[in-house]
């Protein structure tokens, strides 16, 4: 399992709290570099006076996420290959 840095741990805790408190939203955002419009998971940070700030945490995957990512092997020795993920190896 991956060790999280302090900033990542705080973000994960904030995101978990947002889910528990129902302060979560999926909104369309535009990727600055490409102009692409993508769905993004955001925490809702409620402010005094009824204002709400949206804190982006993660972009939702489009298509097959296994075409984009390979998890680390359980023994920590590298990453699982695409062929292994698809069950193509014995």
C-alpha atoms as a PDB file:
ATOM      1  CA  UNK A   1       0.000   0.000   0.000  1.00  0.00           C
ATOM      2  CA  UNK A   2       1.204   3.493  -0.828  1.00  0.00           C
ATOM      3  CA  UNK A   3       2.229   5.878   1.956  1.00  0.00           C
ATOM      4  CA  UNK A   4       0.504   9.239   1.590  1.00  0.00           C
ATOM      5  CA  UNK A   5       2.278  12.529   2.160  1.00  0.00           C
ATOM      6  CA  UNK A   6       0.682  14.864   4.723  1.00  0.00           C
ATOM      7  CA  UNK A   7      -1.083  16.980   2.070  1.00  0.00           C
ATOM      8  CA  UNK A   8      -2.572  13.903   0.376  1.00  0.00           C
ATOM      9  CA  UNK A   9      -3.695  12.511   3.746  1.00  0.00           C
ATOM     10  CA  UNK A  10      -5.446  15.810   4.629  1.00  0.00           C
ATOM     11  CA  UNK A  11      -7.129  15.889   1.205  1.00  0.00           C
ATOM     12  CA  UNK A  12      -8.308  12.302   1.590  1.00  0.00           C
ATOM     13  CA  UNK A  13      -9.716  13.051   5.046  1.00  0.00           C
ATOM     14  CA  UNK A  14     -11.448  16.196   3.755  1.00  0.00           C
ATOM     15  CA  UNK A  15     -12.964  14.258   0.853  1.00  0.00           C
ATOM     16  CA  UNK A  16     -14.155  11.458   3.171  1.00  0.00           C
ATOM     17  CA  UNK A  17     -15.768  14.027   5.488  1.00  0.00           C
ATOM     18  CA  UNK A  18     -17.467  15.687   2.518  1.00  0.00           C
ATOM     19  CA  UNK A  19     -19.047  12.355   1.539  1.00  0.00           C
ATOM     20  CA  UNK A  20     -20.208  11.678   5.116  1.00  0.00           C
ATOM     21  CA  UNK A  21     -21.724  15.174   5.375  1.00  0.00           C
ATOM     22  CA  UNK A  22     -23.279  15.046   1.891  1.00  0.00           C
ATOM     23  CA  UNK A  23     -21.129  18.036   0.911  1.00  0.00           C
ATOM     24  CA  UNK A  24     -20.071  16.538  -2.392  1.00  0.00           C
ATOM     25  CA  UNK A  25     -20.849  17.412  -6.000  1.00  0.00           C
ATOM     26  CA  UNK A  26     -19.896  16.363  -9.498  1.00  0.00           C
ATOM     27  CA  UNK A  27     -19.571  19.355 -11.777  1.00  0.00           C
ATOM     28  CA  UNK A  28     -18.331  19.994 -15.287  1.00  0.00           C
ATOM     29  CA  UNK A  29     -14.957  21.703 -15.404  1.00  0.00           C
ATOM     30  CA  UNK A  30     -12.760  22.743 -18.291  1.00  0.00           C
ATOM     31  CA  UNK A  31      -9.181  21.451 -18.458  1.00  0.00           C
ATOM     32  CA  UNK A  32      -7.070  24.579 -18.776  1.00  0.00           C
ATOM     33  CA  UNK A  33      -4.395  22.968 -20.955  1.00  0.00           C
ATOM     34  CA  UNK A  34      -6.758  21.397 -23.507  1.00  0.00           C
ATOM     35  CA  UNK A  35     -10.154  23.073 -23.191  1.00  0.00           C
ATOM     36  CA  UNK A  36     -11.772  19.644 -22.715  1.00  0.00           C
ATOM     37  CA  UNK A  37     -14.876  19.597 -20.503  1.00  0.00           C
ATOM     38  CA  UNK A  38     -14.693  16.833 -17.885  1.00  0.00           C
ATOM     39  CA  UNK A  39     -16.686  15.706 -14.826  1.00  0.00           C
ATOM     40  CA  UNK A  40     -14.926  16.531 -11.544  1.00  0.00           C
ATOM     41  CA  UNK A  41     -15.684  15.411  -7.979  1.00  0.00           C
ATOM     42  CA  UNK A  42     -15.740  18.472  -5.708  1.00  0.00           C
ATOM     43  CA  UNK A  43     -16.181  18.991  -1.985  1.00  0.00           C
ATOM     44  CA  UNK A  44     -18.632  21.749  -1.119  1.00  0.00           C
ATOM     45  CA  UNK A  45     -17.097  24.173   1.383  1.00  0.00           C
ATOM     46  CA  UNK A  46     -20.023  26.023   2.941  1.00  0.00           C
ATOM     47  CA  UNK A  47     -19.222  29.634   3.878  1.00  0.00           C
ATOM     48  CA  UNK A  48     -21.079  32.127   6.079  1.00  0.00           C
ATOM     49  CA  UNK A  49     -23.921  33.909   4.336  1.00  0.00           C
ATOM     50  CA  UNK A  50     -24.838  30.872   2.247  1.00  0.00           C
ATOM     51  CA  UNK A  51     -21.883  31.101  -0.137  1.00  0.00           C
ATOM     52  CA  UNK A  52     -20.419  27.772  -1.252  1.00  0.00           C
ATOM     53  CA  UNK A  53     -16.915  27.195  -2.572  1.00  0.00           C
ATOM     54  CA  UNK A  54     -16.230  24.093  -4.660  1.00  0.00           C
ATOM     55  CA  UNK A  55     -12.931  22.311  -4.009  1.00  0.00           C
ATOM     56  CA  UNK A  56     -11.962  20.005  -6.912  1.00  0.00           C
ATOM     57  CA  UNK A  57     -10.520  16.633  -5.884  1.00  0.00           C
ATOM     58  CA  UNK A  58     -10.681  14.167  -8.768  1.00  0.00           C
ATOM     59  CA  UNK A  59     -11.560  13.896 -12.431  1.00  0.00           C
ATOM     60  CA  UNK A  60     -13.965  11.061 -13.218  1.00  0.00           C
ATOM     61  CA  UNK A  61     -12.756   8.570 -15.790  1.00  0.00           C
ATOM     62  CA  UNK A  62     -14.233   8.375 -19.228  1.00  0.00           C
ATOM     63  CA  UNK A  63     -13.936   5.049 -20.961  1.00  0.00           C
ATOM     64  CA  UNK A  64     -12.080   2.102 -19.495  1.00  0.00           C
ATOM     65  CA  UNK A  65      -9.919   3.203 -16.575  1.00  0.00           C
ATOM     66  CA  UNK A  66      -7.858   0.013 -16.956  1.00  0.00           C
ATOM     67  CA  UNK A  67      -6.615   1.367 -20.288  1.00  0.00           C
ATOM     68  CA  UNK A  68      -5.129   4.284 -18.370  1.00  0.00           C
ATOM     69  CA  UNK A  69      -3.786   2.846 -15.101  1.00  0.00           C
ATOM     70  CA  UNK A  70      -1.994  -0.230 -13.832  1.00  0.00           C
ATOM     71  CA  UNK A  71      -1.909  -0.910 -10.077  1.00  0.00           C
ATOM     72  CA  UNK A  72       1.281  -1.715  -8.184  1.00  0.00           C
ATOM     73  CA  UNK A  73       1.913  -5.431  -7.657  1.00  0.00           C
ATOM     74  CA  UNK A  74       0.992  -6.643  -4.133  1.00  0.00           C
ATOM     75  CA  UNK A  75       4.642  -7.599  -3.506  1.00  0.00           C
ATOM     76  CA  UNK A  76       5.699  -4.043  -4.439  1.00  0.00           C
ATOM     77  CA  UNK A  77       7.796  -5.270  -7.374  1.00  0.00           C
ATOM     78  CA  UNK A  78       6.635  -3.059 -10.245  1.00  0.00           C
ATOM     79  CA  UNK A  79       3.189  -2.713 -11.753  1.00  0.00           C
ATOM     80  CA  UNK A  80       0.632  -5.143 -13.181  1.00  0.00           C
ATOM     81  CA  UNK A  81       0.778  -5.314 -16.990  1.00  0.00           C
ATOM     82  CA  UNK A  82      -2.188  -4.565 -19.237  1.00  0.00           C
ATOM     83  CA  UNK A  83      -2.180  -8.222 -20.359  1.00  0.00           C
ATOM     84  CA  UNK A  84      -2.452  -9.367 -16.722  1.00  0.00           C
ATOM     85  CA  UNK A  85      -5.292  -6.948 -16.058  1.00  0.00           C
ATOM     86  CA  UNK A  86      -7.194  -8.360 -19.008  1.00  0.00           C
ATOM     87  CA  UNK A  87      -6.511 -11.972 -17.919  1.00  0.00           C
ATOM     88  CA  UNK A  88      -4.498 -12.693 -21.060  1.00  0.00           C
ATOM     89  CA  UNK A  89      -1.596 -14.304 -19.172  1.00  0.00           C
ATOM     90  CA  UNK A  90      -1.704 -17.662 -17.431  1.00  0.00           C
END
